[in-house]
Amino acid sequence: MNFLAHLCLADGDAGLKLGGLFGDFVRGRRALRAFPEPIRQGIVLHRYIDRCTDQSGVVKKLKPRFPREFRRYAGIIIDLAFDHELAINWWRYMPGSLERFDLETRDLLRDNAELVPKKLTSFMRYADRHGLFAAYREEDVILYALAGVGTRLSRPNPLHRVSEIWPDMAPQFKPAFREFFPHIQSEVVDWRKTRSTTTGS
């Protein structure tokens, strides 16, 4: 999953939200130990969500529908497409407006700026300036983000041309997301119950 989904699945918990954002930028146990326990739990949850997403039957069925040239990068495209669907349908899954959630998240990041991994700082500054999480409702923002991801990959890739396949793929993202997201919400609820039991809290 991408940033907005990880934030949503944190269900208002500040540590889980920060860990959800940091998860892709923290590698190994030593790096994990550098963070306070609530954020460590958020990073662990981030990894769990990503595993569940990769193993999802919905996602596995969706990937082969991509044109061959894009199939290697289908997971990246799906992650951002699902953030787009979440942003459009925010009212189905979360109380309050997406704009308010975006503002609160940016405030949280500013308040914890000293903890933000270095590789994430430039993205977070950009997100803060542009209200990026709320802007995920716009297709152009998603396509621009995908092109940006493409520039950071080591090998040549077609992510700057996702606009070519978007009209055909977008109608498939919507039902896939609506089937997938309630399932991952349920998985996260179970994960939190398990962690609460094992920690005795």
C-alpha atoms as a PDB file:
ATOM      1  CA  MET A   1       0.000   0.000   0.000  1.00  0.00           C
ATOM      2  CA  ASN A   2       1.019   3.611  -0.451  1.00  0.00           C
ATOM      3  CA  PHE A   3       1.203   6.497   2.038  1.00  0.00           C
ATOM      4  CA  LEU A   4      -2.473   7.441   2.328  1.00  0.00           C
ATOM      5  CA  ALA A   5      -3.658   3.895   2.931  1.00  0.00           C
ATOM      6  CA  HIS A   6      -1.009   3.314   5.609  1.00  0.00           C
ATOM      7  CA  LEU A   7      -2.075   6.538   7.312  1.00  0.00           C
ATOM      8  CA  CYS A   8      -5.741   5.589   7.172  1.00  0.00           C
ATOM      9  CA  LEU A   9      -5.097   2.106   8.556  1.00  0.00           C
ATOM     10  CA  ALA A  10      -3.282   3.601  11.555  1.00  0.00           C
ATOM     11  CA  ASP A  11      -6.775   4.619  12.734  1.00  0.00           C
ATOM     12  CA  GLY A  12      -5.715   7.874  14.365  1.00  0.00           C
ATOM     13  CA  ASP A  13      -2.799   6.476  16.374  1.00  0.00           C
ATOM     14  CA  ALA A  14       0.093   8.962  16.049  1.00  0.00           C
ATOM     15  CA  GLY A  15       2.841   6.368  16.442  1.00  0.00           C
ATOM     16  CA  LEU A  16       1.260   4.033  13.912  1.00  0.00           C
ATOM     17  CA  LYS A  17       0.790   6.930  11.475  1.00  0.00           C
ATOM     18  CA  LEU A  18       4.434   7.938  11.685  1.00  0.00           C
ATOM     19  CA  GLY A  19       5.594   4.347  11.420  1.00  0.00           C
ATOM     20  CA  GLY A  20       3.287   3.852   8.460  1.00  0.00           C
ATOM     21  CA  LEU A  21       5.003   6.722   6.672  1.00  0.00           C
ATOM     22  CA  PHE A  22       8.514   5.682   7.700  1.00  0.00           C
ATOM     23  CA  GLY A  23       8.151   1.983   6.901  1.00  0.00           C
ATOM     24  CA  ASP A  24       9.662   1.959   3.411  1.00  0.00           C
ATOM     25  CA  PHE A  25      12.698   3.914   4.618  1.00  0.00           C
ATOM     26  CA  VAL A  26      13.719   1.864   7.660  1.00  0.00           C
ATOM     27  CA  ARG A  27      15.657  -1.323   6.951  1.00  0.00           C
ATOM     28  CA  GLY A  28      16.799  -3.886   9.469  1.00  0.00           C
ATOM     29  CA  ARG A  29      16.427  -4.326  13.215  1.00  0.00           C
ATOM     30  CA  ARG A  30      19.195  -1.913  14.153  1.00  0.00           C
ATOM     31  CA  ALA A  31      17.522   0.940  12.274  1.00  0.00           C
ATOM     32  CA  LEU A  32      14.183  -0.021  13.813  1.00  0.00           C
ATOM     33  CA  ARG A  33      15.586   0.278  17.345  1.00  0.00           C
ATOM     34  CA  ALA A  34      16.410   3.945  16.740  1.00  0.00           C
ATOM     35  CA  PHE A  35      12.721   4.883  17.037  1.00  0.00           C
ATOM     36  CA  PRO A  36      10.380   5.102  20.041  1.00  0.00           C
ATOM     37  CA  GLU A  37       8.258   2.015  20.616  1.00  0.00           C
ATOM     38  CA  PRO A  38       4.979   3.465  19.223  1.00  0.00           C
ATOM     39  CA  ILE A  39       6.716   4.288  15.932  1.00  0.00           C
ATOM     40  CA  ARG A  40       8.440   0.893  15.872  1.00  0.00           C
ATOM     41  CA  GLN A  41       5.011  -0.690  16.106  1.00  0.00           C
ATOM     42  CA  GLY A  42       3.885   1.481  13.194  1.00  0.00           C
ATOM     43  CA  ILE A  43       6.801   0.289  11.076  1.00  0.00           C
ATOM     44  CA  VAL A  44       6.031  -3.325  11.953  1.00  0.00           C
ATOM     45  CA  LEU A  45       2.389  -2.719  11.005  1.00  0.00           C
ATOM     46  CA  HIS A  46       3.505  -1.130   7.729  1.00  0.00           C
ATOM     47  CA  ARG A  47       5.432  -4.292   6.857  1.00  0.00           C
ATOM     48  CA  TYR A  48       2.498  -6.483   7.833  1.00  0.00           C
ATOM     49  CA  ILE A  49       0.123  -4.480   5.624  1.00  0.00           C
ATOM     50  CA  ASP A  50       2.527  -4.749   2.691  1.00  0.00           C
ATOM     51  CA  ARG A  51       2.764  -8.530   3.131  1.00  0.00           C
ATOM     52  CA  CYS A  52      -1.019  -8.846   3.280  1.00  0.00           C
ATOM     53  CA  THR A  53      -1.331  -6.721   0.145  1.00  0.00           C
ATOM     54  CA  ASP A  54       1.199  -8.808  -1.778  1.00  0.00           C
ATOM     55  CA  GLN A  55      -0.629 -11.993  -0.752  1.00  0.00           C
ATOM     56  CA  SER A  56      -4.107 -10.647  -1.514  1.00  0.00           C
ATOM     57  CA  GLY A  57      -6.076 -12.625  -4.072  1.00  0.00           C
ATOM     58  CA  VAL A  58      -7.598  -9.381  -5.342  1.00  0.00           C
ATOM     59  CA  VAL A  59      -4.173  -7.908  -6.074  1.00  0.00           C
ATOM     60  CA  LYS A  60      -2.875 -11.161  -7.553  1.00  0.00           C
ATOM     61  CA  LYS A  61      -5.812 -11.262  -9.984  1.00  0.00           C
ATOM     62  CA  LEU A  62      -5.336  -7.625 -10.955  1.00  0.00           C
ATOM     63  CA  LYS A  63      -1.632  -7.741 -11.824  1.00  0.00           C
ATOM     64  CA  PRO A  64      -1.885 -10.015 -14.907  1.00  0.00           C
ATOM     65  CA  ARG A  65      -4.430  -7.629 -16.455  1.00  0.00           C
ATOM     66  CA  PHE A  66      -1.726  -5.027 -17.022  1.00  0.00           C
ATOM     67  CA  PRO A  67      -0.105  -4.824 -20.456  1.00  0.00           C
ATOM     68  CA  ARG A  68       3.085  -6.890 -20.476  1.00  0.00           C
ATOM     69  CA  GLU A  69       5.403  -3.867 -20.509  1.00  0.00           C
ATOM     70  CA  PHE A  70       3.862  -2.564 -17.260  1.00  0.00           C
ATOM     71  CA  ARG A  71       3.403  -5.875 -15.470  1.00  0.00           C
ATOM     72  CA  ARG A  72       6.717  -5.791 -13.603  1.00  0.00           C
ATOM     73  CA  TYR A  73       5.624  -2.462 -12.077  1.00  0.00           C
ATOM     74  CA  ALA A  74       1.986  -3.389 -11.478  1.00  0.00           C
ATOM     75  CA  GLY A  75       2.416  -3.448  -7.703  1.00  0.00           C
ATOM     76  CA  ILE A  76       3.659   0.143  -7.647  1.00  0.00           C
ATOM     77  CA  ILE A  77       0.838   1.302  -9.906  1.00  0.00           C
ATOM     78  CA  ILE A  78      -1.796  -0.537  -7.866  1.00  0.00           C
ATOM     79  CA  ASP A  79      -0.518   0.999  -4.620  1.00  0.00           C
ATOM     80  CA  LEU A  80      -0.989   4.531  -5.929  1.00  0.00           C
ATOM     81  CA  ALA A  81      -4.215   3.702  -7.755  1.00  0.00           C
ATOM     82  CA  PHE A  82      -5.636   2.370  -4.489  1.00  0.00           C
ATOM     83  CA  ASP A  83      -4.595   5.587  -2.714  1.00  0.00           C
ATOM     84  CA  HIS A  84      -6.501   7.444  -5.439  1.00  0.00           C
ATOM     85  CA  GLU A  85      -9.593   5.315  -4.836  1.00  0.00           C
ATOM     86  CA  LEU A  86      -9.275   5.795  -1.072  1.00  0.00           C
ATOM     87  CA  ALA A  87      -9.030   9.566  -1.486  1.00  0.00           C
ATOM     88  CA  ILE A  88     -12.090   9.684  -3.751  1.00  0.00           C
ATOM     89  CA  ASN A  89     -14.103   7.508  -1.367  1.00  0.00           C
ATOM     90  CA  TRP A  90     -12.675   8.805   1.911  1.00  0.00           C
ATOM     91  CA  TRP A  91     -16.142   9.272   3.393  1.00  0.00           C
ATOM     92  CA  ARG A  92     -16.764   5.518   3.146  1.00  0.00           C
ATOM     93  CA  TYR A  93     -13.870   4.609   5.396  1.00  0.00           C
ATOM     94  CA  MET A  94     -12.988   7.510   7.678  1.00  0.00           C
ATOM     95  CA  PRO A  95     -14.830  10.152   9.726  1.00  0.00           C
ATOM     96  CA  GLY A  96     -14.158  13.789   8.922  1.00  0.00           C
ATOM     97  CA  SER A  97     -12.846  15.332   5.741  1.00  0.00           C
ATOM     98  CA  LEU A  98      -9.738  14.266   3.877  1.00  0.00           C
ATOM     99  CA  GLU A  99      -8.530  17.875   3.957  1.00  0.00           C
ATOM    100  CA  ARG A 100      -8.652  17.873   7.752  1.00  0.00           C
ATOM    101  CA  PHE A 101      -6.854  14.542   7.905  1.00  0.00           C
ATOM    102  CA  ASP A 102      -4.190  15.851   5.534  1.00  0.00           C
ATOM    103  CA  LEU A 103      -3.646  18.944   7.681  1.00  0.00           C
ATOM    104  CA  GLU A 104      -3.431  16.929  10.905  1.00  0.00           C
ATOM    105  CA  THR A 105      -0.932  14.547   9.316  1.00  0.00           C
ATOM    106  CA  ARG A 106       1.290  17.385   8.144  1.00  0.00           C
ATOM    107  CA  ASP A 107       1.138  18.926  11.637  1.00  0.00           C
ATOM    108  CA  LEU A 108       2.164  15.568  13.103  1.00  0.00           C
ATOM    109  CA  LEU A 109       5.150  15.365  10.777  1.00  0.00           C
ATOM    110  CA  ARG A 110       6.280  18.889  11.592  1.00  0.00           C
ATOM    111  CA  ASP A 111       6.022  18.131  15.307  1.00  0.00           C
ATOM    112  CA  ASN A 112       8.221  15.052  14.820  1.00  0.00           C
ATOM    113  CA  ALA A 113      10.565  16.387  12.152  1.00  0.00           C
ATOM    114  CA  GLU A 114      13.661  15.209  14.023  1.00  0.00           C
ATOM    115  CA  LEU A 115      12.500  11.590  13.643  1.00  0.00           C
ATOM    116  CA  VAL A 116      11.749  11.652   9.906  1.00  0.00           C
ATOM    117  CA  PRO A 117      14.222   9.432   7.970  1.00  0.00           C
ATOM    118  CA  LYS A 118      16.537  11.492   5.766  1.00  0.00           C
ATOM    119  CA  LYS A 119      15.380   9.779   2.576  1.00  0.00           C
ATOM    120  CA  LEU A 120      11.827  10.863   3.352  1.00  0.00           C
ATOM    121  CA  THR A 121      12.439  14.521   4.174  1.00  0.00           C
ATOM    122  CA  SER A 122      12.269  15.960   0.645  1.00  0.00           C
ATOM    123  CA  PHE A 123       9.019  14.100  -0.052  1.00  0.00           C
ATOM    124  CA  MET A 124       7.514  15.330   3.192  1.00  0.00           C
ATOM    125  CA  ARG A 125       8.430  18.926   2.431  1.00  0.00           C
ATOM    126  CA  TYR A 126       6.750  18.549  -0.957  1.00  0.00           C
ATOM    127  CA  ALA A 127       3.677  16.924   0.624  1.00  0.00           C
ATOM    128  CA  ASP A 128       3.463  19.752   3.150  1.00  0.00           C
ATOM    129  CA  ARG A 129       3.663  22.488   0.522  1.00  0.00           C
ATOM    130  CA  HIS A 130       1.093  20.914  -1.787  1.00  0.00           C
ATOM    131  CA  GLY A 131      -1.361  19.199   0.568  1.00  0.00           C
ATOM    132  CA  LEU A 132      -0.432  16.030  -1.269  1.00  0.00           C
ATOM    133  CA  PHE A 133      -2.511  13.455   0.574  1.00  0.00           C
ATOM    134  CA  ALA A 134      -5.755  15.299  -0.174  1.00  0.00           C
ATOM    135  CA  ALA A 135      -4.546  15.891  -3.737  1.00  0.00           C
ATOM    136  CA  TYR A 136      -4.469  12.135  -4.337  1.00  0.00           C
ATOM    137  CA  ARG A 137      -8.076  12.532  -5.481  1.00  0.00           C
ATOM    138  CA  GLU A 138      -6.717  13.958  -8.745  1.00  0.00           C
ATOM    139  CA  GLU A 139      -5.639  11.501 -11.444  1.00  0.00           C
ATOM    140  CA  ASP A 140      -2.945  13.885 -12.671  1.00  0.00           C
ATOM    141  CA  VAL A 141      -1.349  13.894  -9.223  1.00  0.00           C
ATOM    142  CA  ILE A 142      -1.225  10.095  -9.184  1.00  0.00           C
ATOM    143  CA  LEU A 143       0.293   9.955 -12.666  1.00  0.00           C
ATOM    144  CA  TYR A 144       2.869  12.581 -11.714  1.00  0.00           C
ATOM    145  CA  ALA A 145       3.735  10.629  -8.568  1.00  0.00           C
ATOM    146  CA  LEU A 146       4.199   7.436 -10.581  1.00  0.00           C
ATOM    147  CA  ALA A 147       6.508   9.212 -12.999  1.00  0.00           C
ATOM    148  CA  GLY A 148       8.490  10.468 -10.010  1.00  0.00           C
ATOM    149  CA  VAL A 149       8.829   6.942  -8.638  1.00  0.00           C
ATOM    150  CA  GLY A 150      10.099   5.864 -12.045  1.00  0.00           C
ATOM    151  CA  THR A 151      12.950   8.364 -11.936  1.00  0.00           C
ATOM    152  CA  ARG A 152      14.165   6.852  -8.650  1.00  0.00           C
ATOM    153  CA  LEU A 153      14.335   3.277  -9.932  1.00  0.00           C
ATOM    154  CA  SER A 154      17.673   1.917 -11.088  1.00  0.00           C
ATOM    155  CA  ARG A 155      16.532   0.497 -14.423  1.00  0.00           C
ATOM    156  CA  PRO A 156      14.596   2.076 -17.311  1.00  0.00           C
ATOM    157  CA  ASN A 157      10.856   1.706 -16.767  1.00  0.00           C
ATOM    158  CA  PRO A 158       7.519   2.834 -18.236  1.00  0.00           C
ATOM    159  CA  LEU A 159       6.103   4.540 -15.140  1.00  0.00           C
ATOM    160  CA  HIS A 160       6.197   7.928 -16.881  1.00  0.00           C
ATOM    161  CA  ARG A 161       3.740   6.485 -19.416  1.00  0.00           C
ATOM    162  CA  VAL A 162       1.065   5.084 -17.103  1.00  0.00           C
ATOM    163  CA  SER A 163      -1.306   7.676 -18.596  1.00  0.00           C
ATOM    164  CA  GLU A 164      -1.375   5.467 -21.707  1.00  0.00           C
ATOM    165  CA  ILE A 165      -2.973   2.552 -19.855  1.00  0.00           C
ATOM    166  CA  TRP A 166      -4.888   4.463 -17.185  1.00  0.00           C
ATOM    167  CA  PRO A 167      -8.172   4.772 -19.156  1.00  0.00           C
ATOM    168  CA  ASP A 168      -8.325   0.979 -19.562  1.00  0.00           C
ATOM    169  CA  MET A 169      -7.085   0.068 -16.088  1.00  0.00           C
ATOM    170  CA  ALA A 170      -8.871   2.677 -13.943  1.00  0.00           C
ATOM    171  CA  PRO A 171     -12.324   1.018 -14.222  1.00  0.00           C
ATOM    172  CA  GLN A 172     -10.734  -2.162 -12.853  1.00  0.00           C
ATOM    173  CA  PHE A 173      -9.067  -0.426  -9.922  1.00  0.00           C
ATOM    174  CA  LYS A 174     -12.369   0.737  -8.429  1.00  0.00           C
ATOM    175  CA  PRO A 175     -14.054  -2.658  -7.820  1.00  0.00           C
ATOM    176  CA  ALA A 176     -10.733  -4.225  -6.841  1.00  0.00           C
ATOM    177  CA  PHE A 177     -10.160  -1.578  -4.193  1.00  0.00           C
ATOM    178  CA  ARG A 178     -13.685  -1.845  -2.812  1.00  0.00           C
ATOM    179  CA  GLU A 179     -13.225  -5.588  -2.425  1.00  0.00           C
ATOM    180  CA  PHE A 180      -9.722  -5.339  -1.020  1.00  0.00           C
ATOM    181  CA  PHE A 181      -9.828  -2.467   1.464  1.00  0.00           C
ATOM    182  CA  PRO A 182     -12.425  -3.776   3.947  1.00  0.00           C
ATOM    183  CA  HIS A 183     -10.411  -6.990   4.083  1.00  0.00           C
ATOM    184  CA  ILE A 184      -7.152  -5.208   4.916  1.00  0.00           C
ATOM    185  CA  GLN A 185      -8.990  -3.108   7.519  1.00  0.00           C
ATOM    186  CA  SER A 186     -10.137  -6.330   9.170  1.00  0.00           C
ATOM    187  CA  GLU A 187      -6.597  -7.749   9.040  1.00  0.00           C
ATOM    188  CA  VAL A 188      -5.261  -4.651  10.795  1.00  0.00           C
ATOM    189  CA  VAL A 189      -7.935  -4.844  13.504  1.00  0.00           C
ATOM    190  CA  ASP A 190      -6.896  -8.456  14.171  1.00  0.00           C
ATOM    191  CA  TRP A 191      -3.208  -7.478  14.179  1.00  0.00           C
ATOM    192  CA  ARG A 192      -3.837  -4.768  16.770  1.00  0.00           C
ATOM    193  CA  LYS A 193      -5.823  -7.153  18.965  1.00  0.00           C
ATOM    194  CA  THR A 194      -2.984  -9.669  18.808  1.00  0.00           C
ATOM    195  CA  ARG A 195      -0.356  -7.059  19.666  1.00  0.00           C
ATOM    196  CA  SER A 196      -2.499  -5.788  22.538  1.00  0.00           C
ATOM    197  CA  THR A 197      -2.808  -9.316  23.921  1.00  0.00           C
ATOM    198  CA  THR A 198       0.891 -10.135  23.606  1.00  0.00           C
ATOM    199  CA  THR A 199       1.996  -6.845  25.193  1.00  0.00           C
ATOM    200  CA  GLY A 200      -0.578  -7.086  27.959  1.00  0.00           C
ATOM    201  CA  SER A 201      -1.995  -3.649  27.257  1.00  0.00           C
END
